[in-house]
Structures are given as structure tokens and as C-alpha cells.
Amino acid sequence: MPDAYWFACALHQGVACVGLSHKYQKQTPLSRTCIKGANGVLQLCVQVTHDSRHQPVAHATLSVREQWHRLHQRSLQSAYGRTAFYEHYGPPLLELLETPPLRLVDYNLSILRLLCSSLGIPLQVEEAAVPQLSWPRFALKSYYQPFGSYVPDLSLVDMLMNEGPSASALLRQASPCGE
């Protein structure tokens, strides 16, 4: 699940484009994201089967041995259950985690569809790999986060739960960093 910066770039491009044929790599946004809880930043990791490594993303399968999706549900409820917009965005997200599909790509696309729909960003899925473009990094304004001071580089879920519909305006206000 990409972070808020990825969505800022997609919003500025006018479309979120995802390619399916590049190789799966662990420790990337394909299988992990960060949220902020009462005890600091939590990294949520999706577990894939061992034989999924070095295959195209479209063929990577989720592990059913670990109950990672239950941990994700509890973490999201704990971190955001009392936020202003949890009642609106929380239940659909938790429903997606209730019974994850077999393939990583199906899991990621279902979450991307939900998040893109919440922001009004069209999602374009390509069978081929999307070329790695030199997209600029975006400077996002800080927003309200419970549990201490502002932490950047979190999942878009953090922004949606805390800012709700204003998240789209925050992403639109983001400006490319001079790199």
C-alpha cells in the first residue's frame, strides 16, 4: 500500500498507474506500509509464500500460514478506532482484510481501488510493467495525527483516518520538491 507521497504524485498526474509484470521484491510498498499508533510507527507487512520471491508481481501468492491480516485489522482498529473518520473509512478497509485473496496483486489492487475511489483518482492497471519514471518527491503539509508530533512518510490510510475528505485537498496542495 503506497504512502501519501505516491498518491500525491498520482493526483498530480491525474491517474494512478500500476504495472503487473515487474518482479516481486520484498521490503517494498508492495508488501508493507507504515501507520502511526499510540506506541509510535507500526510497520504492517503482508506475508507472501517463499516461492513468490523473484516471480512477477502478478504471480506472488499470499501466505495463509500466518495470520498477518488479523494483526493488521487489530493494528488499524487500535491506531484509528477513535479518529474522526474511522467510521467512514475503517469498515471497508477492515472488510478487505477479513478474507484476503490468494494473490498479492489482487490484495493490493482492492486496497488501491478503495483508496483511489476515496480520493477521486482514476486507477489504471497495466499488464506490462510500468516504466520507472523519475517522479518528483512531493512536499506534503503536516496534518493532525494523534499520539504526539507529526510523522511523515506514512500510509495514505493515516491521512484519510485523520483528515477524511480533506486528504484530497492536502494532496493537491503538495508541491514537488526540488531534487
N, C-alpha and C. Protein backbone atom coordinates (compact mmCIF):
# COMPACT_ATOMS: atom_id res chain seq x y z
N MET A 1 0.86 -1.17 0.00
CA MET A 1 0.00 0.00 0.00
C MET A 1 0.91 1.23 0.00
N PRO A 2 0.88 1.99 -1.06
CA PRO A 2 1.78 3.15 -1.16
C PRO A 2 1.51 4.21 -0.10
N ASP A 3 2.52 5.02 0.12
CA ASP A 3 2.37 6.10 1.09
C ASP A 3 1.68 7.30 0.47
N ALA A 4 1.46 8.32 1.27
CA ALA A 4 0.74 9.51 0.83
C ALA A 4 1.48 10.22 -0.31
N TYR A 5 2.80 10.14 -0.35
CA TYR A 5 3.57 10.79 -1.41
C TYR A 5 3.23 10.19 -2.78
N TRP A 6 3.07 8.87 -2.82
CA TRP A 6 2.72 8.20 -4.07
C TRP A 6 1.37 8.69 -4.56
N PHE A 7 0.42 8.82 -3.64
CA PHE A 7 -0.90 9.30 -4.01
C PHE A 7 -0.87 10.77 -4.42
N ALA A 8 -0.01 11.58 -3.81
CA ALA A 8 0.14 12.99 -4.22
C ALA A 8 0.62 13.04 -5.67
N CYS A 9 1.58 12.21 -6.01
CA CYS A 9 2.09 12.16 -7.37
C CYS A 9 0.99 11.70 -8.33
N ALA A 10 0.25 10.66 -7.95
CA ALA A 10 -0.84 10.16 -8.80
C ALA A 10 -1.91 11.23 -9.01
N LEU A 11 -2.22 11.96 -7.96
CA LEU A 11 -3.22 13.01 -8.08
C LEU A 11 -2.74 14.12 -9.01
N HIS A 12 -1.47 14.47 -8.92
CA HIS A 12 -0.91 15.50 -9.81
C HIS A 12 -0.80 15.00 -11.25
N GLN A 13 -0.58 13.68 -11.43
CA GLN A 13 -0.52 13.09 -12.77
C GLN A 13 -1.92 12.88 -13.35
N GLY A 14 -2.92 12.82 -12.48
CA GLY A 14 -4.29 12.61 -12.92
C GLY A 14 -4.71 11.15 -13.00
N VAL A 15 -3.78 10.24 -12.69
CA VAL A 15 -4.08 8.81 -12.74
C VAL A 15 -3.06 8.05 -11.89
N ALA A 16 -3.53 6.98 -11.25
CA ALA A 16 -2.64 6.07 -10.54
C ALA A 16 -2.41 4.88 -11.45
N CYS A 17 -1.19 4.66 -11.86
CA CYS A 17 -0.87 3.61 -12.82
C CYS A 17 -0.07 2.51 -12.14
N VAL A 18 -0.52 1.28 -12.30
CA VAL A 18 0.12 0.13 -11.67
C VAL A 18 0.44 -0.90 -12.74
N GLY A 19 1.68 -1.37 -12.77
CA GLY A 19 2.09 -2.41 -13.70
C GLY A 19 2.18 -3.75 -13.00
N LEU A 20 1.89 -4.81 -13.73
CA LEU A 20 1.82 -6.13 -13.11
C LEU A 20 2.98 -7.07 -13.43
N SER A 21 3.79 -6.76 -14.42
CA SER A 21 4.77 -7.77 -14.83
C SER A 21 6.17 -7.57 -14.25
N HIS A 22 6.40 -6.55 -13.44
CA HIS A 22 7.73 -6.44 -12.84
C HIS A 22 7.90 -7.48 -11.73
N LYS A 23 9.12 -7.77 -11.37
CA LYS A 23 9.42 -8.81 -10.39
C LYS A 23 9.03 -8.36 -8.99
N TYR A 24 8.52 -9.30 -8.22
CA TYR A 24 8.21 -9.03 -6.82
C TYR A 24 9.51 -8.87 -6.04
N GLN A 25 9.57 -7.86 -5.23
CA GLN A 25 10.71 -7.66 -4.33
C GLN A 25 10.17 -7.45 -2.93
N LYS A 26 10.80 -8.11 -1.95
CA LYS A 26 10.33 -7.91 -0.59
C LYS A 26 10.82 -6.57 -0.06
N GLN A 27 10.24 -6.16 1.03
CA GLN A 27 10.55 -4.90 1.69
C GLN A 27 10.32 -3.69 0.80
N THR A 28 9.24 -3.72 0.05
CA THR A 28 8.82 -2.59 -0.78
C THR A 28 7.37 -2.27 -0.44
N PRO A 29 6.84 -1.15 -0.95
CA PRO A 29 5.43 -0.84 -0.69
C PRO A 29 4.45 -1.90 -1.23
N LEU A 30 4.92 -2.85 -2.02
CA LEU A 30 4.04 -3.92 -2.48
C LEU A 30 3.57 -4.79 -1.32
N SER A 31 4.38 -4.88 -0.28
CA SER A 31 4.04 -5.78 0.81
C SER A 31 4.11 -5.14 2.20
N ARG A 32 4.35 -3.84 2.27
CA ARG A 32 4.41 -3.22 3.59
C ARG A 32 4.02 -1.75 3.54
N THR A 33 3.57 -1.28 4.69
CA THR A 33 3.20 0.13 4.85
C THR A 33 3.35 0.49 6.32
N CYS A 34 3.38 1.78 6.61
CA CYS A 34 3.53 2.25 7.98
C CYS A 34 2.33 3.09 8.40
N ILE A 35 1.89 2.86 9.62
CA ILE A 35 0.85 3.66 10.23
C ILE A 35 1.37 4.15 11.57
N LYS A 36 0.65 5.07 12.20
CA LYS A 36 1.08 5.61 13.49
C LYS A 36 0.09 5.21 14.56
N GLY A 37 0.59 4.54 15.58
CA GLY A 37 -0.24 4.14 16.71
C GLY A 37 0.20 4.83 17.98
N ALA A 38 -0.40 4.45 19.08
CA ALA A 38 -0.09 5.06 20.38
C ALA A 38 1.36 4.83 20.79
N ASN A 39 1.97 3.74 20.34
CA ASN A 39 3.34 3.42 20.70
C ASN A 39 4.34 3.77 19.60
N GLY A 40 3.94 4.60 18.67
CA GLY A 40 4.84 5.02 17.60
C GLY A 40 4.44 4.45 16.25
N VAL A 41 5.39 4.44 15.34
CA VAL A 41 5.14 3.98 13.98
C VAL A 41 5.10 2.45 13.96
N LEU A 42 4.06 1.91 13.32
CA LEU A 42 3.90 0.47 13.17
C LEU A 42 4.08 0.11 11.70
N GLN A 43 4.87 -0.89 11.43
CA GLN A 43 5.04 -1.35 10.06
C GLN A 43 4.16 -2.58 9.86
N LEU A 44 3.22 -2.47 8.92
CA LEU A 44 2.34 -3.58 8.59
C LEU A 44 2.91 -4.31 7.38
N CYS A 45 3.22 -5.58 7.56
CA CYS A 45 3.84 -6.37 6.49
C CYS A 45 2.91 -7.50 6.07
N VAL A 46 2.71 -7.60 4.77
CA VAL A 46 1.93 -8.69 4.19
C VAL A 46 2.88 -9.86 3.97
N GLN A 47 2.46 -11.04 4.36
CA GLN A 47 3.31 -12.22 4.22
C GLN A 47 3.01 -12.92 2.89
N VAL A 48 4.06 -13.17 2.11
CA VAL A 48 3.92 -13.91 0.86
C VAL A 48 4.63 -15.25 1.01
N THR A 49 4.26 -16.20 0.15
CA THR A 49 4.90 -17.51 0.20
C THR A 49 6.35 -17.40 -0.28
N HIS A 50 7.16 -18.32 0.17
CA HIS A 50 8.58 -18.30 -0.18
C HIS A 50 8.80 -18.40 -1.69
N ASP A 51 8.02 -19.20 -2.37
CA ASP A 51 8.21 -19.38 -3.81
C ASP A 51 7.73 -18.18 -4.62
N SER A 52 7.14 -17.16 -3.97
CA SER A 52 6.70 -15.95 -4.68
C SER A 52 7.85 -15.00 -4.99
N ARG A 53 8.94 -15.18 -4.28
CA ARG A 53 10.08 -14.28 -4.49
C ARG A 53 10.65 -14.48 -5.89
N HIS A 54 11.01 -13.40 -6.51
CA HIS A 54 11.62 -13.38 -7.84
C HIS A 54 10.65 -13.81 -8.95
N GLN A 55 9.37 -13.77 -8.68
CA GLN A 55 8.36 -14.01 -9.71
C GLN A 55 7.73 -12.66 -10.07
N PRO A 56 7.04 -12.59 -11.19
CA PRO A 56 6.30 -11.36 -11.46
C PRO A 56 5.28 -11.11 -10.35
N VAL A 57 5.02 -9.86 -10.07
CA VAL A 57 4.08 -9.48 -9.03
C VAL A 57 2.74 -10.17 -9.23
N ALA A 58 2.32 -10.33 -10.47
CA ALA A 58 1.02 -10.94 -10.76
C ALA A 58 0.93 -12.38 -10.28
N HIS A 59 2.06 -13.04 -10.02
CA HIS A 59 2.06 -14.44 -9.61
C HIS A 59 2.38 -14.65 -8.13
N ALA A 60 2.74 -13.59 -7.41
CA ALA A 60 3.06 -13.72 -5.99
C ALA A 60 1.80 -14.07 -5.20
N THR A 61 1.91 -15.07 -4.34
CA THR A 61 0.76 -15.51 -3.56
C THR A 61 0.95 -15.16 -2.09
N LEU A 62 -0.16 -14.87 -1.44
CA LEU A 62 -0.13 -14.53 -0.02
C LEU A 62 -0.04 -15.79 0.82
N SER A 63 0.69 -15.70 1.91
CA SER A 63 0.82 -16.81 2.82
C SER A 63 -0.46 -16.93 3.65
N VAL A 64 -0.91 -18.16 3.84
CA VAL A 64 -2.09 -18.39 4.67
C VAL A 64 -1.71 -18.96 6.03
N ARG A 65 -0.44 -19.30 6.22
CA ARG A 65 0.00 -19.86 7.49
C ARG A 65 -0.02 -18.82 8.60
N GLU A 66 0.47 -17.63 8.31
CA GLU A 66 0.48 -16.57 9.29
C GLU A 66 -0.86 -15.85 9.29
N GLN A 67 -1.25 -15.34 10.39
CA GLN A 67 -2.50 -14.58 10.49
C GLN A 67 -2.20 -13.09 10.43
N TRP A 68 -1.39 -12.67 9.47
CA TRP A 68 -0.97 -11.27 9.35
C TRP A 68 -2.14 -10.33 9.16
N HIS A 69 -3.17 -10.79 8.46
CA HIS A 69 -4.32 -9.91 8.20
C HIS A 69 -5.08 -9.60 9.49
N ARG A 70 -5.12 -10.53 10.43
CA ARG A 70 -5.76 -10.27 11.73
C ARG A 70 -4.96 -9.23 12.51
N LEU A 71 -3.65 -9.33 12.47
CA LEU A 71 -2.79 -8.34 13.12
C LEU A 71 -3.00 -6.96 12.50
N HIS A 72 -3.13 -6.90 11.19
CA HIS A 72 -3.39 -5.63 10.50
C HIS A 72 -4.73 -5.04 10.95
N GLN A 73 -5.74 -5.88 11.04
CA GLN A 73 -7.06 -5.40 11.48
C GLN A 73 -6.98 -4.80 12.89
N ARG A 74 -6.36 -5.54 13.81
CA ARG A 74 -6.24 -5.06 15.20
C ARG A 74 -5.42 -3.77 15.27
N SER A 75 -4.35 -3.70 14.48
CA SER A 75 -3.49 -2.51 14.48
C SER A 75 -4.25 -1.29 13.96
N LEU A 76 -5.02 -1.47 12.88
CA LEU A 76 -5.80 -0.36 12.33
C LEU A 76 -6.89 0.09 13.31
N GLN A 77 -7.55 -0.85 13.94
CA GLN A 77 -8.57 -0.51 14.92
C GLN A 77 -7.98 0.22 16.12
N SER A 78 -6.84 -0.25 16.58
CA SER A 78 -6.19 0.38 17.73
C SER A 78 -5.69 1.79 17.39
N ALA A 79 -5.07 1.93 16.24
CA ALA A 79 -4.49 3.22 15.85
C ALA A 79 -5.54 4.25 15.47
N TYR A 80 -6.62 3.83 14.83
CA TYR A 80 -7.56 4.79 14.25
C TYR A 80 -9.01 4.65 14.72
N GLY A 81 -9.29 3.70 15.59
CA GLY A 81 -10.66 3.45 16.02
C GLY A 81 -11.37 4.65 16.62
N ARG A 82 -10.61 5.60 17.14
CA ARG A 82 -11.23 6.79 17.75
C ARG A 82 -11.03 8.05 16.93
N THR A 83 -10.52 7.91 15.73
CA THR A 83 -10.33 9.09 14.89
C THR A 83 -11.66 9.53 14.29
N ALA A 84 -11.67 10.77 13.82
CA ALA A 84 -12.91 11.38 13.33
C ALA A 84 -13.51 10.64 12.13
N PHE A 85 -12.68 10.03 11.29
CA PHE A 85 -13.19 9.46 10.05
C PHE A 85 -13.11 7.94 9.99
N TYR A 86 -12.84 7.32 11.13
CA TYR A 86 -12.74 5.86 11.17
C TYR A 86 -14.06 5.21 10.75
N GLU A 87 -15.17 5.74 11.21
CA GLU A 87 -16.47 5.13 10.88
C GLU A 87 -16.74 5.12 9.39
N HIS A 88 -16.17 6.08 8.67
CA HIS A 88 -16.38 6.16 7.23
C HIS A 88 -15.40 5.28 6.45
N TYR A 89 -14.11 5.34 6.79
CA TYR A 89 -13.07 4.65 6.01
C TYR A 89 -12.64 3.31 6.63
N GLY A 90 -12.83 3.13 7.93
CA GLY A 90 -12.37 1.92 8.60
C GLY A 90 -13.07 0.65 8.19
N PRO A 91 -14.41 0.60 8.26
CA PRO A 91 -15.10 -0.66 7.94
C PRO A 91 -14.80 -1.23 6.55
N PRO A 92 -14.79 -0.41 5.48
CA PRO A 92 -14.46 -1.02 4.18
C PRO A 92 -13.03 -1.59 4.13
N LEU A 93 -12.11 -0.92 4.80
CA LEU A 93 -10.73 -1.40 4.82
C LEU A 93 -10.62 -2.69 5.63
N LEU A 94 -11.28 -2.73 6.77
CA LEU A 94 -11.27 -3.96 7.59
C LEU A 94 -11.94 -5.12 6.87
N GLU A 95 -12.98 -4.81 6.09
CA GLU A 95 -13.66 -5.85 5.32
C GLU A 95 -12.71 -6.46 4.28
N LEU A 96 -11.89 -5.63 3.65
CA LEU A 96 -10.92 -6.16 2.68
C LEU A 96 -9.91 -7.08 3.36
N LEU A 97 -9.59 -6.78 4.61
CA LEU A 97 -8.62 -7.60 5.34
C LEU A 97 -9.23 -8.87 5.93
N GLU A 98 -10.54 -8.92 6.01
CA GLU A 98 -11.21 -10.07 6.62
C GLU A 98 -10.85 -11.38 5.93
N THR A 99 -10.94 -11.39 4.62
CA THR A 99 -10.61 -12.58 3.84
C THR A 99 -9.75 -12.15 2.66
N PRO A 100 -8.44 -12.04 2.88
CA PRO A 100 -7.59 -11.62 1.77
C PRO A 100 -7.59 -12.62 0.63
N PRO A 101 -7.46 -12.13 -0.61
CA PRO A 101 -7.42 -13.04 -1.76
C PRO A 101 -6.12 -13.86 -1.76
N LEU A 102 -6.00 -14.76 -2.70
CA LEU A 102 -4.80 -15.61 -2.75
C LEU A 102 -3.59 -14.89 -3.32
N ARG A 103 -3.81 -13.95 -4.23
CA ARG A 103 -2.68 -13.29 -4.90
C ARG A 103 -2.42 -11.91 -4.30
N LEU A 104 -1.15 -11.56 -4.16
CA LEU A 104 -0.75 -10.26 -3.65
C LEU A 104 -1.31 -9.14 -4.52
N VAL A 105 -1.29 -9.31 -5.83
CA VAL A 105 -1.75 -8.26 -6.73
C VAL A 105 -3.24 -7.99 -6.51
N ASP A 106 -4.03 -9.02 -6.28
CA ASP A 106 -5.47 -8.82 -6.03
C ASP A 106 -5.70 -8.08 -4.71
N TYR A 107 -4.91 -8.43 -3.71
CA TYR A 107 -4.98 -7.74 -2.42
C TYR A 107 -4.64 -6.25 -2.59
N ASN A 108 -3.50 -5.98 -3.23
CA ASN A 108 -3.07 -4.59 -3.41
C ASN A 108 -4.05 -3.80 -4.27
N LEU A 109 -4.54 -4.40 -5.34
CA LEU A 109 -5.48 -3.68 -6.21
C LEU A 109 -6.80 -3.37 -5.50
N SER A 110 -7.26 -4.28 -4.64
CA SER A 110 -8.50 -4.00 -3.92
C SER A 110 -8.32 -2.81 -2.98
N ILE A 111 -7.18 -2.74 -2.31
CA ILE A 111 -6.92 -1.61 -1.42
C ILE A 111 -6.70 -0.33 -2.23
N LEU A 112 -5.95 -0.43 -3.34
CA LEU A 112 -5.75 0.76 -4.18
C LEU A 112 -7.07 1.28 -4.74
N ARG A 113 -7.95 0.38 -5.16
CA ARG A 113 -9.26 0.82 -5.67
C ARG A 113 -10.03 1.58 -4.60
N LEU A 114 -10.00 1.06 -3.39
CA LEU A 114 -10.71 1.72 -2.29
C LEU A 114 -10.11 3.10 -2.02
N LEU A 115 -8.79 3.19 -1.93
CA LEU A 115 -8.14 4.46 -1.61
C LEU A 115 -8.27 5.45 -2.77
N CYS A 116 -8.08 4.99 -4.00
CA CYS A 116 -8.23 5.88 -5.16
C CYS A 116 -9.65 6.39 -5.27
N SER A 117 -10.61 5.53 -5.00
CA SER A 117 -12.02 5.94 -5.03
C SER A 117 -12.28 7.00 -3.97
N SER A 118 -11.70 6.84 -2.80
CA SER A 118 -11.88 7.81 -1.72
C SER A 118 -11.32 9.18 -2.10
N LEU A 119 -10.30 9.20 -2.95
CA LEU A 119 -9.65 10.45 -3.35
C LEU A 119 -10.12 10.97 -4.70
N GLY A 120 -10.88 10.14 -5.43
CA GLY A 120 -11.32 10.55 -6.76
C GLY A 120 -10.23 10.46 -7.81
N ILE A 121 -9.30 9.52 -7.64
CA ILE A 121 -8.20 9.32 -8.60
C ILE A 121 -8.52 8.09 -9.45
N PRO A 122 -8.53 8.21 -10.78
CA PRO A 122 -8.72 7.00 -11.60
C PRO A 122 -7.53 6.05 -11.44
N LEU A 123 -7.79 4.77 -11.40
CA LEU A 123 -6.74 3.76 -11.28
C LEU A 123 -6.60 3.04 -12.61
N GLN A 124 -5.39 3.04 -13.16
CA GLN A 124 -5.10 2.38 -14.43
C GLN A 124 -4.20 1.18 -14.15
N VAL A 125 -4.63 -0.01 -14.54
CA VAL A 125 -3.84 -1.22 -14.33
C VAL A 125 -3.33 -1.69 -15.67
N GLU A 126 -2.01 -1.88 -15.77
CA GLU A 126 -1.36 -2.32 -17.00
C GLU A 126 -0.83 -3.73 -16.82
N GLU A 127 -1.02 -4.59 -17.82
CA GLU A 127 -0.45 -5.93 -17.76
C GLU A 127 1.08 -5.88 -17.83
N ALA A 128 1.61 -4.94 -18.58
CA ALA A 128 3.06 -4.79 -18.69
C ALA A 128 3.58 -4.03 -17.47
N ALA A 129 4.88 -4.03 -17.31
CA ALA A 129 5.49 -3.25 -16.24
C ALA A 129 5.40 -1.78 -16.59
N VAL A 130 5.11 -0.97 -15.60
CA VAL A 130 5.09 0.47 -15.80
C VAL A 130 6.53 0.94 -15.68
N PRO A 131 7.02 1.72 -16.65
CA PRO A 131 8.41 2.16 -16.55
C PRO A 131 8.65 2.98 -15.29
N GLN A 132 9.83 2.82 -14.75
CA GLN A 132 10.21 3.61 -13.58
C GLN A 132 10.51 5.03 -14.02
N LEU A 133 9.61 5.90 -13.76
CA LEU A 133 9.80 7.30 -14.14
C LEU A 133 10.46 8.03 -12.99
N SER A 134 11.11 9.11 -13.29
CA SER A 134 11.73 9.90 -12.23
C SER A 134 10.70 10.90 -11.71
N TRP A 135 9.71 10.37 -10.99
CA TRP A 135 8.69 11.22 -10.42
C TRP A 135 9.29 12.03 -9.29
N PRO A 136 8.87 13.26 -9.19
CA PRO A 136 9.42 14.08 -8.11
C PRO A 136 8.86 13.65 -6.75
N ARG A 137 9.62 13.89 -5.75
CA ARG A 137 9.14 13.70 -4.38
C ARG A 137 8.29 14.91 -4.06
N PHE A 138 7.20 14.73 -3.35
CA PHE A 138 6.30 15.82 -3.05
C PHE A 138 6.43 16.24 -1.60
N ALA A 139 6.38 17.54 -1.37
CA ALA A 139 6.39 18.09 -0.02
C ALA A 139 4.93 18.19 0.43
N LEU A 140 4.60 17.42 1.44
CA LEU A 140 3.24 17.44 1.97
C LEU A 140 3.19 18.31 3.22
N LYS A 141 2.11 19.03 3.37
CA LYS A 141 1.91 19.80 4.60
C LYS A 141 1.59 18.82 5.72
N SER A 142 2.01 19.17 6.91
CA SER A 142 1.68 18.32 8.05
C SER A 142 0.18 18.41 8.33
N TYR A 143 -0.35 17.40 8.93
CA TYR A 143 -1.76 17.33 9.27
C TYR A 143 -1.87 16.75 10.68
N TYR A 144 -3.04 16.83 11.23
CA TYR A 144 -3.25 16.33 12.59
C TYR A 144 -3.05 14.82 12.66
N GLN A 145 -2.24 14.40 13.61
CA GLN A 145 -2.07 12.99 13.94
C GLN A 145 -2.14 12.87 15.46
N PRO A 146 -2.98 11.97 15.96
CA PRO A 146 -2.98 11.77 17.42
C PRO A 146 -1.67 11.11 17.84
N PHE A 147 -1.45 11.02 19.11
CA PHE A 147 -0.28 10.33 19.67
C PHE A 147 1.03 11.06 19.40
N GLY A 148 1.11 12.31 19.72
CA GLY A 148 2.39 13.01 19.63
C GLY A 148 2.55 13.85 18.39
N SER A 149 3.80 14.15 18.09
CA SER A 149 4.10 15.05 16.98
C SER A 149 3.92 14.37 15.62
N TYR A 150 3.87 15.18 14.59
CA TYR A 150 3.65 14.73 13.22
C TYR A 150 4.79 13.83 12.74
N VAL A 151 4.41 12.75 12.08
CA VAL A 151 5.37 11.82 11.47
C VAL A 151 5.06 11.75 9.97
N PRO A 152 6.04 12.10 9.11
CA PRO A 152 5.81 11.99 7.66
C PRO A 152 5.99 10.55 7.18
N ASP A 153 5.80 10.32 5.90
CA ASP A 153 6.07 9.04 5.23
C ASP A 153 5.18 7.89 5.69
N LEU A 154 3.96 8.19 6.08
CA LEU A 154 3.05 7.14 6.49
C LEU A 154 2.11 6.77 5.35
N SER A 155 1.38 5.70 5.54
CA SER A 155 0.38 5.26 4.58
C SER A 155 -0.68 6.33 4.40
N LEU A 156 -1.29 6.35 3.23
CA LEU A 156 -2.39 7.26 2.99
C LEU A 156 -3.53 7.00 3.98
N VAL A 157 -3.64 5.78 4.49
CA VAL A 157 -4.68 5.44 5.45
C VAL A 157 -4.60 6.38 6.66
N ASP A 158 -3.41 6.72 7.10
CA ASP A 158 -3.24 7.64 8.23
C ASP A 158 -3.88 8.99 7.92
N MET A 159 -3.60 9.52 6.74
CA MET A 159 -4.15 10.81 6.36
C MET A 159 -5.67 10.74 6.23
N LEU A 160 -6.19 9.69 5.62
CA LEU A 160 -7.64 9.55 5.47
C LEU A 160 -8.36 9.43 6.81
N MET A 161 -7.83 8.64 7.71
CA MET A 161 -8.48 8.44 9.00
C MET A 161 -8.48 9.73 9.83
N ASN A 162 -7.43 10.53 9.69
CA ASN A 162 -7.32 11.74 10.49
C ASN A 162 -7.90 12.98 9.82
N GLU A 163 -7.88 13.04 8.50
CA GLU A 163 -8.34 14.24 7.79
C GLU A 163 -9.59 14.01 6.95
N GLY A 164 -9.94 12.77 6.66
CA GLY A 164 -11.14 12.48 5.89
C GLY A 164 -11.10 13.07 4.50
N PRO A 165 -12.19 13.67 4.05
CA PRO A 165 -12.26 14.23 2.70
C PRO A 165 -11.22 15.34 2.45
N SER A 166 -10.72 15.95 3.50
CA SER A 166 -9.69 16.99 3.35
C SER A 166 -8.37 16.41 2.86
N ALA A 167 -8.21 15.09 2.93
CA ALA A 167 -6.96 14.45 2.48
C ALA A 167 -6.71 14.76 1.01
N SER A 168 -7.77 14.76 0.21
CA SER A 168 -7.61 15.06 -1.21
C SER A 168 -7.06 16.47 -1.42
N ALA A 169 -7.56 17.43 -0.67
CA ALA A 169 -7.07 18.81 -0.78
C ALA A 169 -5.62 18.90 -0.31
N LEU A 170 -5.26 18.19 0.75
CA LEU A 170 -3.87 18.18 1.22
C LEU A 170 -2.93 17.64 0.15
N LEU A 171 -3.35 16.58 -0.53
CA LEU A 171 -2.52 16.00 -1.59
C LEU A 171 -2.42 16.93 -2.78
N ARG A 172 -3.51 17.63 -3.10
CA ARG A 172 -3.49 18.60 -4.20
C ARG A 172 -2.58 19.78 -3.91
N GLN A 173 -2.48 20.16 -2.65
CA GLN A 173 -1.63 21.28 -2.24
C GLN A 173 -0.15 20.90 -2.20
N ALA A 174 0.15 19.63 -2.26
CA ALA A 174 1.55 19.18 -2.22
C ALA A 174 2.29 19.72 -3.43
N SER A 175 3.53 20.08 -3.21
CA SER A 175 4.34 20.60 -4.31
C SER A 175 5.58 19.73 -4.49
N PRO A 176 6.01 19.58 -5.74
CA PRO A 176 7.21 18.78 -5.99
C PRO A 176 8.43 19.40 -5.31
N CYS A 177 9.23 18.56 -4.69
CA CYS A 177 10.48 19.02 -4.07
C CYS A 177 11.51 19.22 -5.16
N GLY A 178 12.36 20.18 -5.01
CA GLY A 178 13.45 20.38 -5.97
C GLY A 178 14.55 19.39 -5.70
N GLU A 179 14.67 18.39 -6.56
CA GLU A 179 15.74 17.39 -6.39
C GLU A 179 16.71 17.49 -7.53
